[in-house]
Amino acid sequence: MFSSKAKTVKEYLDALPADQRTALSKVRSVVRKNLPAGYKEAMNFGAITYEIPLSRYPTTYNKQPLCYVALSAAKQHCSLYLMAAYGNGAHAAWLAQEFARTGKKLDRGKACIRFKAAEDLPLDVVGASVAKVPVEQYVEIYEASRKKTKPARDSR
């Protein structure tokens, strides 16, 4: 998914160019301040992740901790992954409405919000989005999204 081999968040941030390190550090601070209890900061998938540990929820499709929020840097931008918005239409609509209300551009991919500087994001909206979904509710969102996924075809 991402290319970093960093083992720790500090190692990941230290390897970034100054502008990306500054941007991700500011957004990381907002995420950490608003993160509901039960999520853990880690390095996973080559990004900074905020996840539900396997000890708490072991039944994920890929046997990895369930990712709630992620932060990463690419060549031309940084990305914020708000997986509750990706897996829940009402949350995604709320997020788009809040971006519009603040006048900030929602530069969005399928699962990410792209930004170059923390100031490109309405940080109060990011914080509210992160704070909005406790662990138990995110598990429900995840499980509902998995029910919508068709099972893989039998390869005969």
N, C-alpha and C. Protein backbone atom coordinates (compact mmCIF):
# COMPACT_ATOMS: atom_id res chain seq x y z
N MET A 1 0.82 -1.19 0.00
CA MET A 1 0.00 0.00 0.00
C MET A 1 0.87 1.26 0.00
N PHE A 2 1.79 1.33 0.96
CA PHE A 2 2.71 2.46 1.05
C PHE A 2 4.13 1.90 1.00
N SER A 3 5.11 2.75 0.80
CA SER A 3 6.46 2.23 0.57
C SER A 3 7.41 2.31 1.76
N SER A 4 7.06 2.99 2.83
CA SER A 4 7.99 3.15 3.94
C SER A 4 8.24 1.83 4.67
N LYS A 5 9.48 1.63 5.04
CA LYS A 5 9.86 0.46 5.84
C LYS A 5 10.13 0.85 7.30
N ALA A 6 9.79 2.08 7.67
CA ALA A 6 10.04 2.57 9.03
C ALA A 6 9.35 1.68 10.05
N LYS A 7 10.02 1.44 11.14
CA LYS A 7 9.47 0.60 12.21
C LYS A 7 8.75 1.42 13.28
N THR A 8 9.09 2.71 13.39
CA THR A 8 8.46 3.57 14.39
C THR A 8 7.96 4.85 13.73
N VAL A 9 7.03 5.51 14.40
CA VAL A 9 6.51 6.78 13.89
C VAL A 9 7.63 7.80 13.81
N LYS A 10 8.47 7.86 14.81
CA LYS A 10 9.58 8.82 14.80
C LYS A 10 10.49 8.57 13.60
N GLU A 11 10.82 7.33 13.36
CA GLU A 11 11.67 6.97 12.21
C GLU A 11 10.99 7.39 10.89
N TYR A 12 9.69 7.18 10.80
CA TYR A 12 8.94 7.56 9.60
C TYR A 12 9.00 9.07 9.39
N LEU A 13 8.67 9.82 10.44
CA LEU A 13 8.66 11.29 10.33
C LEU A 13 10.05 11.84 10.06
N ASP A 14 11.06 11.29 10.71
CA ASP A 14 12.43 11.78 10.53
C ASP A 14 12.92 11.59 9.09
N ALA A 15 12.39 10.62 8.38
CA ALA A 15 12.82 10.34 7.01
C ALA A 15 12.16 11.25 5.97
N LEU A 16 11.17 12.02 6.38
CA LEU A 16 10.42 12.86 5.44
C LEU A 16 11.10 14.21 5.22
N PRO A 17 10.84 14.82 4.06
CA PRO A 17 11.28 16.22 3.87
C PRO A 17 10.60 17.11 4.91
N ALA A 18 11.22 18.22 5.24
CA ALA A 18 10.73 19.09 6.32
C ALA A 18 9.27 19.51 6.14
N ASP A 19 8.87 19.86 4.92
CA ASP A 19 7.49 20.33 4.72
C ASP A 19 6.47 19.22 5.00
N GLN A 20 6.76 18.02 4.56
CA GLN A 20 5.84 16.91 4.82
C GLN A 20 5.86 16.50 6.30
N ARG A 21 7.04 16.53 6.91
CA ARG A 21 7.14 16.20 8.34
C ARG A 21 6.31 17.20 9.15
N THR A 22 6.39 18.48 8.81
CA THR A 22 5.62 19.50 9.51
C THR A 22 4.12 19.28 9.32
N ALA A 23 3.71 19.04 8.08
CA ALA A 23 2.29 18.84 7.79
C ALA A 23 1.74 17.62 8.52
N LEU A 24 2.43 16.49 8.40
CA LEU A 24 1.94 15.27 9.05
C LEU A 24 1.98 15.38 10.56
N SER A 25 2.98 16.05 11.09
CA SER A 25 3.08 16.21 12.56
C SER A 25 1.90 17.01 13.11
N LYS A 26 1.50 18.07 12.39
CA LYS A 26 0.36 18.87 12.83
C LYS A 26 -0.94 18.07 12.78
N VAL A 27 -1.15 17.33 11.71
CA VAL A 27 -2.36 16.53 11.59
C VAL A 27 -2.33 15.39 12.61
N ARG A 28 -1.17 14.79 12.79
CA ARG A 28 -1.02 13.73 13.79
C ARG A 28 -1.40 14.22 15.18
N SER A 29 -1.00 15.43 15.51
CA SER A 29 -1.34 16.01 16.80
C SER A 29 -2.85 16.12 16.98
N VAL A 30 -3.55 16.54 15.94
CA VAL A 30 -5.01 16.65 15.99
C VAL A 30 -5.64 15.27 16.14
N VAL A 31 -5.14 14.31 15.39
CA VAL A 31 -5.68 12.95 15.49
C VAL A 31 -5.49 12.41 16.90
N ARG A 32 -4.30 12.52 17.43
CA ARG A 32 -4.01 11.98 18.77
C ARG A 32 -4.86 12.66 19.85
N LYS A 33 -5.06 13.96 19.71
CA LYS A 33 -5.85 14.71 20.69
C LYS A 33 -7.31 14.26 20.69
N ASN A 34 -7.83 13.85 19.55
CA ASN A 34 -9.25 13.53 19.41
C ASN A 34 -9.55 12.04 19.32
N LEU A 35 -8.55 11.21 19.38
CA LEU A 35 -8.72 9.77 19.21
C LEU A 35 -9.47 9.15 20.39
N PRO A 36 -10.58 8.47 20.12
CA PRO A 36 -11.29 7.80 21.22
C PRO A 36 -10.43 6.70 21.84
N ALA A 37 -10.74 6.36 23.06
CA ALA A 37 -10.03 5.27 23.76
C ALA A 37 -10.19 3.97 23.00
N GLY A 38 -9.13 3.16 23.03
CA GLY A 38 -9.18 1.84 22.42
C GLY A 38 -8.41 1.72 21.12
N TYR A 39 -8.13 2.84 20.47
CA TYR A 39 -7.30 2.82 19.26
C TYR A 39 -5.84 2.97 19.67
N LYS A 40 -4.94 2.42 18.87
CA LYS A 40 -3.51 2.46 19.18
C LYS A 40 -2.75 3.03 17.98
N GLU A 41 -1.81 3.93 18.24
CA GLU A 41 -0.95 4.44 17.17
C GLU A 41 0.12 3.40 16.87
N ALA A 42 0.38 3.18 15.58
CA ALA A 42 1.38 2.19 15.17
C ALA A 42 1.89 2.54 13.78
N MET A 43 2.89 1.81 13.36
CA MET A 43 3.32 1.83 11.96
C MET A 43 2.80 0.54 11.37
N ASN A 44 2.02 0.66 10.31
CA ASN A 44 1.49 -0.52 9.65
C ASN A 44 1.23 -0.14 8.19
N PHE A 45 1.38 -1.07 7.31
CA PHE A 45 1.14 -0.82 5.89
C PHE A 45 2.06 0.28 5.34
N GLY A 46 3.16 0.59 6.02
CA GLY A 46 4.06 1.65 5.57
C GLY A 46 3.57 3.05 5.88
N ALA A 47 2.64 3.18 6.81
CA ALA A 47 2.06 4.49 7.17
C ALA A 47 1.87 4.56 8.69
N ILE A 48 1.63 5.76 9.17
CA ILE A 48 1.25 5.93 10.57
C ILE A 48 -0.22 5.54 10.64
N THR A 49 -0.54 4.59 11.50
CA THR A 49 -1.92 4.14 11.60
C THR A 49 -2.44 4.29 13.02
N TYR A 50 -3.75 4.40 13.10
CA TYR A 50 -4.48 4.40 14.36
C TYR A 50 -5.46 3.25 14.19
N GLU A 51 -5.27 2.22 14.99
CA GLU A 51 -5.92 0.96 14.71
C GLU A 51 -6.46 0.30 15.97
N ILE A 52 -7.33 -0.66 15.73
CA ILE A 52 -7.83 -1.49 16.82
C ILE A 52 -6.91 -2.70 16.89
N PRO A 53 -6.22 -2.90 18.00
CA PRO A 53 -5.29 -4.03 18.09
C PRO A 53 -6.00 -5.37 17.88
N LEU A 54 -5.26 -6.33 17.34
CA LEU A 54 -5.81 -7.66 17.13
C LEU A 54 -6.26 -8.32 18.42
N SER A 55 -5.63 -7.95 19.54
CA SER A 55 -6.04 -8.51 20.82
C SER A 55 -7.47 -8.11 21.18
N ARG A 56 -7.92 -6.99 20.63
CA ARG A 56 -9.28 -6.52 20.90
C ARG A 56 -10.27 -6.94 19.82
N TYR A 57 -9.81 -6.96 18.56
CA TYR A 57 -10.67 -7.36 17.44
C TYR A 57 -9.83 -8.15 16.45
N PRO A 58 -9.81 -9.48 16.59
CA PRO A 58 -8.92 -10.31 15.78
C PRO A 58 -9.49 -10.78 14.44
N THR A 59 -10.77 -10.55 14.17
CA THR A 59 -11.41 -11.16 13.00
C THR A 59 -11.45 -10.23 11.79
N THR A 60 -10.30 -9.72 11.39
CA THR A 60 -10.24 -8.87 10.19
C THR A 60 -9.99 -9.75 8.97
N TYR A 61 -10.37 -9.25 7.81
CA TYR A 61 -10.24 -10.05 6.59
C TYR A 61 -8.80 -10.34 6.22
N ASN A 62 -7.87 -9.46 6.61
CA ASN A 62 -6.47 -9.63 6.21
C ASN A 62 -5.55 -9.99 7.37
N LYS A 63 -6.13 -10.30 8.51
CA LYS A 63 -5.36 -10.70 9.71
C LYS A 63 -4.46 -9.58 10.25
N GLN A 64 -4.75 -8.33 9.86
CA GLN A 64 -4.03 -7.16 10.34
C GLN A 64 -4.94 -6.37 11.26
N PRO A 65 -4.37 -5.55 12.15
CA PRO A 65 -5.22 -4.70 12.99
C PRO A 65 -6.14 -3.85 12.12
N LEU A 66 -7.32 -3.59 12.62
CA LEU A 66 -8.33 -2.83 11.88
C LEU A 66 -7.96 -1.35 11.90
N CYS A 67 -7.62 -0.81 10.73
CA CYS A 67 -7.17 0.58 10.61
C CYS A 67 -8.35 1.54 10.62
N TYR A 68 -8.30 2.51 11.50
CA TYR A 68 -9.33 3.53 11.64
C TYR A 68 -8.92 4.83 10.95
N VAL A 69 -7.68 5.27 11.18
CA VAL A 69 -7.12 6.48 10.58
C VAL A 69 -5.68 6.16 10.17
N ALA A 70 -5.24 6.74 9.07
CA ALA A 70 -3.83 6.59 8.68
C ALA A 70 -3.33 7.92 8.12
N LEU A 71 -2.04 8.11 8.24
CA LEU A 71 -1.35 9.27 7.70
C LEU A 71 -0.16 8.79 6.91
N SER A 72 0.02 9.35 5.72
CA SER A 72 1.17 8.96 4.91
C SER A 72 1.63 10.13 4.05
N ALA A 73 2.84 9.98 3.54
CA ALA A 73 3.41 10.97 2.62
C ALA A 73 3.72 10.29 1.30
N ALA A 74 3.38 10.96 0.22
CA ALA A 74 3.71 10.50 -1.13
C ALA A 74 4.64 11.54 -1.75
N LYS A 75 5.01 11.34 -2.98
CA LYS A 75 5.95 12.24 -3.63
C LYS A 75 5.43 13.68 -3.70
N GLN A 76 4.16 13.86 -4.05
CA GLN A 76 3.62 15.19 -4.28
C GLN A 76 2.65 15.69 -3.21
N HIS A 77 2.27 14.86 -2.25
CA HIS A 77 1.28 15.27 -1.26
C HIS A 77 1.32 14.36 -0.03
N CYS A 78 0.57 14.72 0.96
CA CYS A 78 0.34 13.87 2.12
C CYS A 78 -1.09 13.36 2.03
N SER A 79 -1.37 12.29 2.74
CA SER A 79 -2.71 11.73 2.73
C SER A 79 -3.19 11.43 4.14
N LEU A 80 -4.47 11.69 4.33
CA LEU A 80 -5.17 11.38 5.57
C LEU A 80 -6.26 10.38 5.20
N TYR A 81 -6.23 9.24 5.82
CA TYR A 81 -7.23 8.20 5.57
C TYR A 81 -8.17 8.16 6.77
N LEU A 82 -9.42 8.51 6.54
CA LEU A 82 -10.47 8.45 7.57
C LEU A 82 -11.37 7.29 7.18
N MET A 83 -11.04 6.11 7.66
CA MET A 83 -11.69 4.90 7.18
C MET A 83 -13.16 4.81 7.58
N ALA A 84 -13.57 5.46 8.64
CA ALA A 84 -14.99 5.46 9.00
C ALA A 84 -15.81 6.18 7.93
N ALA A 85 -15.24 7.24 7.36
CA ALA A 85 -15.93 7.96 6.28
C ALA A 85 -15.93 7.12 5.01
N TYR A 86 -14.86 6.37 4.78
CA TYR A 86 -14.78 5.51 3.60
C TYR A 86 -15.82 4.39 3.69
N GLY A 87 -16.04 3.86 4.89
CA GLY A 87 -16.94 2.72 5.06
C GLY A 87 -18.38 3.08 5.39
N ASN A 88 -18.68 4.38 5.51
CA ASN A 88 -20.01 4.78 5.94
C ASN A 88 -20.44 6.02 5.15
N GLY A 89 -21.47 5.87 4.33
CA GLY A 89 -21.93 6.97 3.48
C GLY A 89 -22.36 8.20 4.24
N ALA A 90 -23.03 8.01 5.38
CA ALA A 90 -23.49 9.16 6.17
C ALA A 90 -22.29 9.95 6.71
N HIS A 91 -21.27 9.25 7.16
CA HIS A 91 -20.07 9.92 7.67
C HIS A 91 -19.36 10.65 6.53
N ALA A 92 -19.29 10.03 5.35
CA ALA A 92 -18.66 10.67 4.19
C ALA A 92 -19.41 11.94 3.79
N ALA A 93 -20.74 11.87 3.80
CA ALA A 93 -21.55 13.05 3.45
C ALA A 93 -21.34 14.17 4.47
N TRP A 94 -21.30 13.81 5.74
CA TRP A 94 -21.06 14.79 6.80
C TRP A 94 -19.70 15.46 6.59
N LEU A 95 -18.68 14.65 6.28
CA LEU A 95 -17.33 15.18 6.08
C LEU A 95 -17.31 16.16 4.91
N ALA A 96 -17.94 15.80 3.79
CA ALA A 96 -17.99 16.69 2.62
C ALA A 96 -18.72 17.99 2.95
N GLN A 97 -19.81 17.89 3.69
CA GLN A 97 -20.58 19.07 4.09
C GLN A 97 -19.73 19.98 4.99
N GLU A 98 -19.00 19.39 5.91
CA GLU A 98 -18.18 20.19 6.82
C GLU A 98 -17.01 20.86 6.09
N PHE A 99 -16.40 20.17 5.16
CA PHE A 99 -15.35 20.79 4.34
C PHE A 99 -15.93 21.99 3.60
N ALA A 100 -17.10 21.80 2.97
CA ALA A 100 -17.75 22.88 2.22
C ALA A 100 -18.07 24.06 3.13
N ARG A 101 -18.54 23.77 4.32
CA ARG A 101 -18.89 24.83 5.28
C ARG A 101 -17.68 25.69 5.61
N THR A 102 -16.51 25.07 5.70
CA THR A 102 -15.30 25.83 6.06
C THR A 102 -14.65 26.50 4.85
N GLY A 103 -15.08 26.13 3.64
CA GLY A 103 -14.48 26.70 2.44
C GLY A 103 -13.19 26.01 2.02
N LYS A 104 -12.83 24.94 2.71
CA LYS A 104 -11.63 24.19 2.35
C LYS A 104 -11.96 23.18 1.26
N LYS A 105 -11.02 22.98 0.33
CA LYS A 105 -11.22 22.04 -0.76
C LYS A 105 -11.03 20.61 -0.25
N LEU A 106 -11.98 19.75 -0.56
CA LEU A 106 -11.88 18.34 -0.21
C LEU A 106 -11.27 17.62 -1.40
N ASP A 107 -9.95 17.49 -1.39
CA ASP A 107 -9.22 16.80 -2.45
C ASP A 107 -9.16 15.34 -2.05
N ARG A 108 -10.11 14.59 -2.58
CA ARG A 108 -10.35 13.25 -2.07
C ARG A 108 -10.15 12.18 -3.13
N GLY A 109 -9.52 11.10 -2.71
CA GLY A 109 -9.46 9.88 -3.51
C GLY A 109 -10.53 8.94 -2.99
N LYS A 110 -10.43 7.69 -3.33
CA LYS A 110 -11.43 6.72 -2.89
C LYS A 110 -11.46 6.61 -1.36
N ALA A 111 -10.30 6.58 -0.75
CA ALA A 111 -10.24 6.42 0.71
C ALA A 111 -9.40 7.48 1.41
N CYS A 112 -8.85 8.43 0.66
CA CYS A 112 -7.95 9.39 1.29
C CYS A 112 -8.34 10.82 1.00
N ILE A 113 -7.81 11.69 1.83
CA ILE A 113 -7.89 13.14 1.62
C ILE A 113 -6.46 13.60 1.41
N ARG A 114 -6.19 14.20 0.25
CA ARG A 114 -4.84 14.66 -0.07
C ARG A 114 -4.65 16.11 0.39
N PHE A 115 -3.44 16.39 0.89
CA PHE A 115 -3.11 17.76 1.31
C PHE A 115 -1.61 17.95 1.22
N LYS A 116 -1.19 19.20 1.07
CA LYS A 116 0.24 19.51 1.05
C LYS A 116 0.69 20.10 2.39
N ALA A 117 -0.19 20.89 3.00
CA ALA A 117 0.11 21.51 4.30
C ALA A 117 -1.09 21.30 5.21
N ALA A 118 -0.84 21.27 6.50
CA ALA A 118 -1.94 21.07 7.46
C ALA A 118 -3.00 22.16 7.29
N GLU A 119 -2.58 23.33 6.86
CA GLU A 119 -3.51 24.45 6.69
C GLU A 119 -4.49 24.21 5.54
N ASP A 120 -4.23 23.23 4.71
CA ASP A 120 -5.16 22.87 3.63
C ASP A 120 -6.40 22.16 4.18
N LEU A 121 -6.31 21.70 5.40
CA LEU A 121 -7.40 20.94 6.03
C LEU A 121 -8.10 21.76 7.09
N PRO A 122 -9.41 21.61 7.24
CA PRO A 122 -10.08 22.19 8.41
C PRO A 122 -9.80 21.27 9.61
N LEU A 123 -8.78 21.60 10.37
CA LEU A 123 -8.32 20.69 11.42
C LEU A 123 -9.38 20.43 12.48
N ASP A 124 -10.29 21.40 12.70
CA ASP A 124 -11.38 21.14 13.65
C ASP A 124 -12.31 20.05 13.12
N VAL A 125 -12.53 20.02 11.82
CA VAL A 125 -13.37 18.99 11.19
C VAL A 125 -12.66 17.63 11.25
N VAL A 126 -11.36 17.63 10.98
CA VAL A 126 -10.59 16.39 11.09
C VAL A 126 -10.70 15.85 12.52
N GLY A 127 -10.50 16.72 13.49
CA GLY A 127 -10.61 16.30 14.89
C GLY A 127 -11.99 15.76 15.23
N ALA A 128 -13.03 16.45 14.76
CA ALA A 128 -14.40 16.00 15.02
C ALA A 128 -14.68 14.66 14.34
N SER A 129 -14.15 14.47 13.15
CA SER A 129 -14.33 13.20 12.43
C SER A 129 -13.68 12.06 13.19
N VAL A 130 -12.47 12.28 13.66
CA VAL A 130 -11.75 11.26 14.42
C VAL A 130 -12.48 10.95 15.73
N ALA A 131 -12.94 11.99 16.42
CA ALA A 131 -13.60 11.82 17.72
C ALA A 131 -14.98 11.18 17.60
N LYS A 132 -15.55 11.24 16.41
CA LYS A 132 -16.94 10.85 16.17
C LYS A 132 -17.22 9.36 16.34
N VAL A 133 -16.23 8.50 16.16
CA VAL A 133 -16.49 7.07 16.07
C VAL A 133 -15.69 6.28 17.11
N PRO A 134 -16.34 5.88 18.21
CA PRO A 134 -15.66 5.02 19.18
C PRO A 134 -15.40 3.63 18.58
N VAL A 135 -14.52 2.88 19.20
CA VAL A 135 -14.11 1.57 18.70
C VAL A 135 -15.31 0.67 18.38
N GLU A 136 -16.25 0.57 19.29
CA GLU A 136 -17.38 -0.34 19.09
C GLU A 136 -18.19 0.05 17.85
N GLN A 137 -18.38 1.33 17.62
CA GLN A 137 -19.13 1.79 16.45
C GLN A 137 -18.33 1.52 15.17
N TYR A 138 -17.02 1.70 15.21
CA TYR A 138 -16.21 1.45 14.03
C TYR A 138 -16.23 -0.04 13.66
N VAL A 139 -16.22 -0.90 14.65
CA VAL A 139 -16.34 -2.33 14.39
C VAL A 139 -17.66 -2.62 13.67
N GLU A 140 -18.73 -1.97 14.10
CA GLU A 140 -20.04 -2.15 13.44
C GLU A 140 -19.99 -1.66 11.99
N ILE A 141 -19.36 -0.51 11.76
CA ILE A 141 -19.22 0.02 10.40
C ILE A 141 -18.43 -0.96 9.54
N TYR A 142 -17.33 -1.46 10.09
CA TYR A 142 -16.49 -2.41 9.38
C TYR A 142 -17.27 -3.68 9.05
N GLU A 143 -17.95 -4.23 10.04
CA GLU A 143 -18.68 -5.47 9.80
C GLU A 143 -19.79 -5.29 8.78
N ALA A 144 -20.47 -4.15 8.82
CA ALA A 144 -21.51 -3.88 7.82
C ALA A 144 -20.91 -3.77 6.42
N SER A 145 -19.74 -3.15 6.31
CA SER A 145 -19.11 -3.02 5.00
C SER A 145 -18.66 -4.38 4.48
N ARG A 146 -18.24 -5.27 5.33
CA ARG A 146 -17.81 -6.61 4.91
C ARG A 146 -19.00 -7.43 4.40
N LYS A 147 -20.18 -7.18 4.94
CA LYS A 147 -21.37 -7.89 4.48
C LYS A 147 -21.73 -7.50 3.05
N LYS A 148 -21.35 -6.27 2.66
CA LYS A 148 -21.63 -5.79 1.31
C LYS A 148 -20.64 -6.35 0.29
N THR A 149 -19.50 -6.86 0.76
CA THR A 149 -18.49 -7.40 -0.12
C THR A 149 -18.87 -8.81 -0.55
N LYS A 150 -18.84 -9.03 -1.84
CA LYS A 150 -19.17 -10.35 -2.35
C LYS A 150 -18.05 -11.32 -2.03
N PRO A 151 -18.39 -12.55 -1.67
CA PRO A 151 -17.32 -13.53 -1.43
C PRO A 151 -16.57 -13.85 -2.72
N ALA A 152 -15.32 -14.20 -2.58
CA ALA A 152 -14.51 -14.53 -3.76
C ALA A 152 -15.08 -15.76 -4.45
N ARG A 153 -14.98 -15.77 -5.78
CA ARG A 153 -15.46 -16.91 -6.56
C ARG A 153 -14.56 -18.10 -6.33
N ASP A 154 -15.16 -19.25 -6.40
CA ASP A 154 -14.43 -20.50 -6.30
C ASP A 154 -13.56 -20.65 -7.55
N SER A 155 -12.28 -20.79 -7.40
CA SER A 155 -11.40 -20.90 -8.58
C SER A 155 -11.16 -22.36 -8.92
N ARG A 156 -11.94 -22.85 -9.84
CA ARG A 156 -11.83 -24.26 -10.23
C ARG A 156 -11.11 -24.40 -11.53
